[in-house]
C-alpha cells in the first residue's frame, strides 16, 4: 500500500503575501484510523489563518509507513512523528491526539517536542497490569471477525442489517454516527491497518503512561460521554488521578470515541481556544482598555 502525503495546511505557500506564520499544530489519529479523521478539523483550523496544521498517518496504518519490525514499541510511532516534524523544521508544536494519537502526543511531550497538549480520549491510561488495558485489547480482538468481514465485503458490509450500528458503536455516540463517506473511509482504513496485531501485542507487552504527574506544559484532557472504548469513569480514572491537579478536564456530552467525526466544529473550537490561550502574542498582549 503506497504511503500517502500527510495533510499539511496553512504553510508558507498557502498564505497570502504579508501574512505571518501560523502556530504549528500536529493532529494525531486513533488506532485503526488515518489522517482522514482530521480532514474537517484541519480545514477549519487552517481557515482561521492563525495555524499551520499537520496531520500525518502514523506507522502501521493505512497510508503510513510500514512497521519496522513485528515487535513494535510506542517509540516507533513517536520516532516517525519526530522525523516528520524535523523535515518541517519544527522543534516543537501544539500536539493534539485522539486515542492512540493521544498516547503518542504524551510521549512527544516527554521528549520536549510539545508546546501544548490536547489529549482527546487518549489511550495509555493504565499501569502495567491494569484491567483497563486488558479490557481494551479484548475489545479490539473481539472486533477482529467484523474487520475480516469488512475486508472481504468492503463498503457493501454497511448494507448488511445492523452492520452500520455495529460499526458505529466503538466510535460515536448517537446511532447514526459519522456520515456515510466518513464511515466508508473508516472501514477502508481499519481493514488496511498493517500493524493491527503488532499494536495490540505492543499494548499487552508494555505499560501505559507512567509519568503523567511530570507533564510540564499546558495540557487539557478531553473526555467523551459516550466513549465505549474507554467508558467513563473506569476508562479514564487513571488519567484523571495522575495528571497534574490543575489539568483542565473537558467533557463532550453525547459524543463518542472519535468526536471530530460527529462534532468537528466543537473540536476545532476547543483546540483553537486552548492554543490561543497559550501562545506568546496572547500571553504578552497588553490589558484591554
Protein backbone atom coordinates (compact mmCIF):
# COMPACT_ATOMS: atom_id res chain seq x y z
CA UNK A 1 0.00 0.00 0.00
CA UNK A 2 1.62 3.33 -1.04
CA UNK A 3 2.42 5.94 1.57
CA UNK A 4 0.01 8.88 1.38
CA UNK A 5 1.02 12.52 1.64
CA UNK A 6 0.05 13.97 5.03
CA UNK A 7 -2.48 16.74 5.47
CA UNK A 8 -0.47 19.97 5.60
CA UNK A 9 -2.39 23.25 5.54
CA UNK A 10 -1.56 26.87 6.25
CA UNK A 11 2.09 26.51 5.24
CA UNK A 12 4.05 29.40 3.73
CA UNK A 13 2.97 28.61 0.18
CA UNK A 14 -0.70 28.61 1.28
CA UNK A 15 -0.59 32.09 2.82
CA UNK A 16 -1.14 35.41 1.13
CA UNK A 17 1.86 37.78 0.82
CA UNK A 18 2.44 39.61 4.08
CA UNK A 19 0.72 37.01 6.29
CA UNK A 20 2.76 35.90 9.30
CA UNK A 21 3.45 32.27 10.03
CA UNK A 22 0.80 30.38 11.94
CA UNK A 23 1.19 28.42 15.17
CA UNK A 24 2.19 24.83 14.30
CA UNK A 25 -0.37 22.16 15.24
CA UNK A 26 0.14 18.40 14.89
CA UNK A 27 -3.01 16.24 14.76
CA UNK A 28 -2.57 12.53 15.58
CA UNK A 29 -5.24 9.95 14.76
CA UNK A 30 -6.61 6.91 16.67
CA UNK A 31 -5.70 3.23 16.27
CA UNK A 32 -7.02 1.68 13.01
CA UNK A 33 -7.66 5.14 11.55
CA UNK A 34 -5.63 7.57 9.44
CA UNK A 35 -5.13 11.28 8.98
CA UNK A 36 -8.51 11.32 7.20
CA UNK A 37 -10.37 11.61 10.51
CA UNK A 38 -8.88 15.09 10.93
CA UNK A 39 -9.75 16.47 7.48
CA UNK A 40 -12.64 18.74 8.53
CA UNK A 41 -10.95 19.96 11.73
CA UNK A 42 -7.69 20.59 9.85
CA UNK A 43 -9.55 22.62 7.23
CA UNK A 44 -11.37 24.63 9.88
CA UNK A 45 -8.19 25.39 11.83
CA UNK A 46 -6.28 26.41 8.70
CA UNK A 47 -9.13 28.64 7.50
CA UNK A 48 -8.65 30.88 10.54
CA UNK A 49 -5.26 31.93 9.14
CA UNK A 50 -3.71 31.53 12.60
CA UNK A 51 -2.33 28.00 12.37
CA UNK A 52 -0.17 25.74 10.25
CA UNK A 53 -1.72 22.29 10.56
CA UNK A 54 0.00 18.96 10.01
CA UNK A 55 -1.79 15.59 10.24
CA UNK A 56 0.26 12.53 9.24
CA UNK A 57 -0.76 8.90 9.08
CA UNK A 58 1.26 7.01 11.68
CA UNK A 59 3.38 3.91 11.13
CA UNK A 60 1.45 0.71 10.53
CA UNK A 61 -1.75 2.45 9.47
CA UNK A 62 -3.42 2.84 6.08
CA UNK A 63 -1.18 5.13 4.06
CA UNK A 64 1.57 5.33 6.68
CA UNK A 65 4.99 3.72 6.69
CA UNK A 66 5.08 0.00 7.40
CA UNK A 67 6.16 -1.09 10.87
CA UNK A 68 9.95 -1.62 11.00
CA UNK A 69 9.59 -4.90 12.90
CA UNK A 70 6.95 -7.31 14.16
CA UNK A 71 7.62 -6.30 17.77
CA UNK A 72 6.53 -2.69 17.76
CA UNK A 73 7.14 -0.19 20.51
CA UNK A 74 5.43 3.12 21.15
CA UNK A 75 8.81 4.65 20.38
CA UNK A 76 8.48 3.59 16.72
CA UNK A 77 5.37 5.75 16.38
CA UNK A 78 6.92 8.66 18.24
CA UNK A 79 10.17 8.47 16.25
CA UNK A 80 8.22 8.68 13.00
CA UNK A 81 6.29 11.78 14.07
CA UNK A 82 9.53 13.39 15.25
CA UNK A 83 11.16 12.66 11.89
CA UNK A 84 8.27 14.34 10.12
CA UNK A 85 8.48 17.37 12.41
CA UNK A 86 12.21 17.62 11.74
CA UNK A 87 11.51 17.61 8.00
CA UNK A 88 9.18 20.58 8.51
CA UNK A 89 11.76 22.37 10.64
CA UNK A 90 9.50 22.23 13.71
CA UNK A 91 11.34 21.84 17.00
CA UNK A 92 8.03 21.99 18.85
CA UNK A 93 4.34 22.18 18.01
CA UNK A 94 0.95 22.15 19.70
CA UNK A 95 0.07 18.45 19.99
CA UNK A 96 -3.46 17.16 19.57
CA UNK A 97 -4.03 13.41 19.78
CA UNK A 98 -7.08 11.17 19.88
CA UNK A 99 -6.87 7.68 21.43
CA UNK A 100 -3.57 6.12 20.25
CA UNK A 101 -2.67 9.56 18.94
CA UNK A 102 -3.12 10.92 22.45
CA UNK A 103 -0.68 8.35 23.82
CA UNK A 104 1.88 9.35 21.18
CA UNK A 105 1.28 13.03 21.96
CA UNK A 106 2.12 12.47 25.63
CA UNK A 107 5.34 10.70 24.63
CA UNK A 108 6.26 13.61 22.36
CA UNK A 109 5.75 15.90 25.36
CA UNK A 110 8.24 13.79 27.31
CA UNK A 111 10.76 14.35 24.52
CA UNK A 112 10.29 18.11 24.68
CA UNK A 113 8.54 18.42 21.31
CA UNK A 114 5.19 19.84 22.52
CA UNK A 115 4.16 23.43 23.28
CA UNK A 116 0.70 22.44 24.49
CA UNK A 117 -1.15 19.14 24.57
CA UNK A 118 -4.80 18.41 23.86
CA UNK A 119 -5.47 14.76 24.67
CA UNK A 120 -8.84 13.57 23.35
CA UNK A 121 -9.93 10.22 24.86
CA UNK A 122 -6.25 9.20 24.98
CA UNK A 123 -5.03 5.62 25.16
CA UNK A 124 -2.30 4.59 27.57
CA UNK A 125 -4.26 5.45 30.72
CA UNK A 126 -3.19 2.35 32.60
CA UNK A 127 -0.33 0.74 34.50
CA UNK A 128 1.46 -2.46 33.52
CA UNK A 129 -1.26 -4.86 34.70
CA UNK A 130 -4.34 -2.66 34.67
CA UNK A 131 -7.73 -4.23 33.97
CA UNK A 132 -8.44 -1.29 31.66
CA UNK A 133 -5.54 -2.31 29.44
CA UNK A 134 -6.69 -5.91 29.10
CA UNK A 135 -10.30 -4.86 28.59
CA UNK A 136 -9.24 -2.53 25.76
CA UNK A 137 -7.20 -5.20 23.97
CA UNK A 138 -10.05 -7.72 24.29
CA UNK A 139 -12.49 -5.24 22.74
CA UNK A 140 -10.30 -4.84 19.67
CA UNK A 141 -9.67 -8.59 19.40
CA UNK A 142 -13.42 -9.21 19.62
CA UNK A 143 -13.83 -6.89 16.66
CA UNK A 144 -11.46 -8.99 14.55
CA UNK A 145 -14.17 -11.06 12.81
CA UNK A 146 -16.06 -7.90 11.87
CA UNK A 147 -12.86 -6.44 10.42
CA UNK A 148 -12.30 -9.60 8.40
CA UNK A 149 -15.84 -9.45 7.05
CA UNK A 150 -15.37 -5.79 6.17
CA UNK A 151 -12.12 -6.62 4.39
CA UNK A 152 -13.95 -9.20 2.26
CA UNK A 153 -17.06 -7.12 1.52
CA UNK A 154 -15.69 -3.59 1.57
CA UNK A 155 -18.28 -0.78 1.87
CA UNK A 156 -21.03 -3.26 0.94
CA UNK A 157 -20.90 -4.52 4.50
CA UNK A 158 -22.90 -1.43 5.51
CA UNK A 159 -25.85 -2.88 3.60
CA UNK A 160 -25.97 -5.86 5.96
CA UNK A 161 -28.73 -5.48 8.62
CA UNK A 162 -27.44 -3.84 11.82
CA UNK A 163 -23.90 -3.57 10.36
CA UNK A 164 -23.91 0.22 10.46
CA UNK A 165 -24.82 0.32 14.14
CA UNK A 166 -22.19 -2.31 14.96
CA UNK A 167 -19.62 -0.26 13.06
CA UNK A 168 -20.53 2.99 14.83
CA UNK A 169 -20.74 1.61 18.39
CA UNK A 170 -17.00 1.95 19.14
CA UNK A 171 -16.60 5.38 17.58
CA UNK A 172 -19.72 7.50 18.03
CA UNK A 173 -22.43 8.39 20.49
CA UNK A 174 -25.69 8.54 18.52
CA UNK A 175 -26.90 5.64 16.42
CA UNK A 176 -26.46 7.45 13.11
CA UNK A 177 -22.84 8.24 13.90
CA UNK A 178 -20.48 9.65 11.23
CA UNK A 179 -21.60 10.49 7.71
CA UNK A 180 -21.67 7.67 5.19
CA UNK A 181 -18.49 8.85 3.39
CA UNK A 182 -16.65 9.13 6.72
CA UNK A 183 -17.79 5.64 7.72
CA UNK A 184 -16.67 4.18 4.39
CA UNK A 185 -13.26 5.84 4.87
CA UNK A 186 -13.03 4.42 8.41
CA UNK A 187 -13.77 0.91 7.16
CA UNK A 188 -11.14 1.28 4.44
CA UNK A 189 -8.56 2.48 6.96
CA UNK A 190 -9.37 -0.19 9.55
CA UNK A 191 -9.22 -3.06 7.07
CA UNK A 192 -5.86 -1.87 5.72
CA UNK A 193 -4.10 -1.29 9.04
CA UNK A 194 -0.95 -3.37 8.57
CA UNK A 195 0.04 -3.27 12.25
CA UNK A 196 -3.28 -4.37 13.79
CA UNK A 197 -1.81 -7.31 15.72
CA UNK A 198 1.58 -5.66 16.33
CA UNK A 199 -0.04 -2.71 18.07
CA UNK A 200 -2.27 -4.92 20.22
CA UNK A 201 0.74 -7.06 21.20
CA UNK A 202 2.63 -3.85 21.97
CA UNK A 203 -0.17 -2.76 24.27
CA UNK A 204 -0.12 -6.09 26.11
CA UNK A 205 3.67 -6.08 26.46
CA UNK A 206 4.16 -2.53 27.65
CA UNK A 207 2.91 -0.34 30.45
CA UNK A 208 0.94 2.78 29.62
CA UNK A 209 1.66 6.38 30.56
CA UNK A 210 3.64 6.23 33.80
CA UNK A 211 4.94 9.80 34.18
CA UNK A 212 1.76 11.82 33.84
CA UNK A 213 2.42 13.80 37.03
CA UNK A 214 5.56 15.24 35.39
CA UNK A 215 3.77 16.73 32.37
CA UNK A 216 5.28 20.21 32.27
CA UNK A 217 3.33 22.01 29.53
CA UNK A 218 -0.25 23.31 29.36
CA UNK A 219 -2.42 20.22 28.88
CA UNK A 220 -6.14 19.67 28.56
CA UNK A 221 -7.82 16.28 28.86
CA UNK A 222 -10.92 15.86 26.70
CA UNK A 223 -13.30 13.03 27.62
CA UNK A 224 -16.32 11.86 25.66
CA UNK A 225 -19.56 10.96 27.42
CA UNK A 226 -20.46 8.12 25.01
CA UNK A 227 -16.95 6.72 24.69
CA UNK A 228 -17.32 2.93 24.55
CA UNK A 229 -13.62 2.24 24.09
CA UNK A 230 -12.65 3.99 27.33
CA UNK A 231 -16.01 4.27 29.14
CA UNK A 232 -16.34 6.76 31.95
CA UNK A 233 -15.32 6.59 34.73
CA UNK A 234 -13.16 3.44 34.75
CA UNK A 235 -11.68 4.02 31.31
CA UNK A 236 -10.12 7.36 32.22
CA UNK A 237 -9.79 7.26 36.02
CA UNK A 238 -6.03 6.63 35.78
CA UNK A 239 -5.55 9.77 33.68
CA UNK A 240 -7.73 11.97 35.87
CA UNK A 241 -5.99 10.73 39.02
CA UNK A 242 -2.39 11.00 37.75
CA UNK A 243 -2.25 14.14 35.62
CA UNK A 244 -1.25 17.37 37.42
CA UNK A 245 -4.10 18.61 39.60
CA UNK A 246 -4.52 21.82 37.58
CA UNK A 247 -5.14 19.97 34.29
CA UNK A 248 -8.50 21.11 32.87
CA UNK A 249 -10.87 18.26 32.05
CA UNK A 250 -13.41 18.94 29.30
CA UNK A 251 -16.33 16.58 28.87
CA UNK A 252 -18.06 16.35 25.50
CA UNK A 253 -21.68 15.42 26.13
CA UNK A 254 -23.29 12.92 23.78
CA UNK A 255 -20.16 12.25 21.74
CA UNK A 256 -18.26 9.01 21.20
CA UNK A 257 -14.63 7.98 20.98
CA UNK A 258 -13.78 9.92 17.78
CA UNK A 259 -15.65 13.20 18.37
CA UNK A 260 -14.18 15.10 15.41
CA UNK A 261 -16.31 12.96 13.10
CA UNK A 262 -19.51 13.88 14.95
CA UNK A 263 -18.88 17.46 16.03
CA UNK A 264 -15.84 18.82 14.17
CA UNK A 265 -16.74 22.43 14.92
CA UNK A 266 -16.78 21.75 18.67
CA UNK A 267 -13.39 20.01 18.50
CA UNK A 268 -11.90 22.79 16.35
CA UNK A 269 -13.11 25.36 18.87
CA UNK A 270 -11.62 23.64 21.92
CA UNK A 271 -8.27 23.17 20.14
CA UNK A 272 -8.14 26.76 18.88
CA UNK A 273 -9.17 28.27 22.22
CA UNK A 274 -6.51 26.30 24.10
CA UNK A 275 -3.73 27.06 21.61
CA UNK A 276 -4.62 30.77 21.55
CA UNK A 277 -4.64 30.86 25.33
CA UNK A 278 -1.06 29.58 25.44
CA UNK A 279 0.69 31.37 22.59
CA UNK A 280 3.16 34.18 23.13
CA UNK A 281 1.25 37.04 21.44
CA UNK A 282 -1.75 36.26 23.65
CA UNK A 283 0.36 35.98 26.78
CA UNK A 284 2.20 39.24 26.10
CA UNK A 285 -0.77 41.30 24.91
CA UNK A 286 -1.42 44.44 27.00
CA UNK A 287 -4.62 44.53 29.09
CA UNK A 288 -7.68 45.78 27.25
CA UNK A 289 -8.57 49.42 27.95
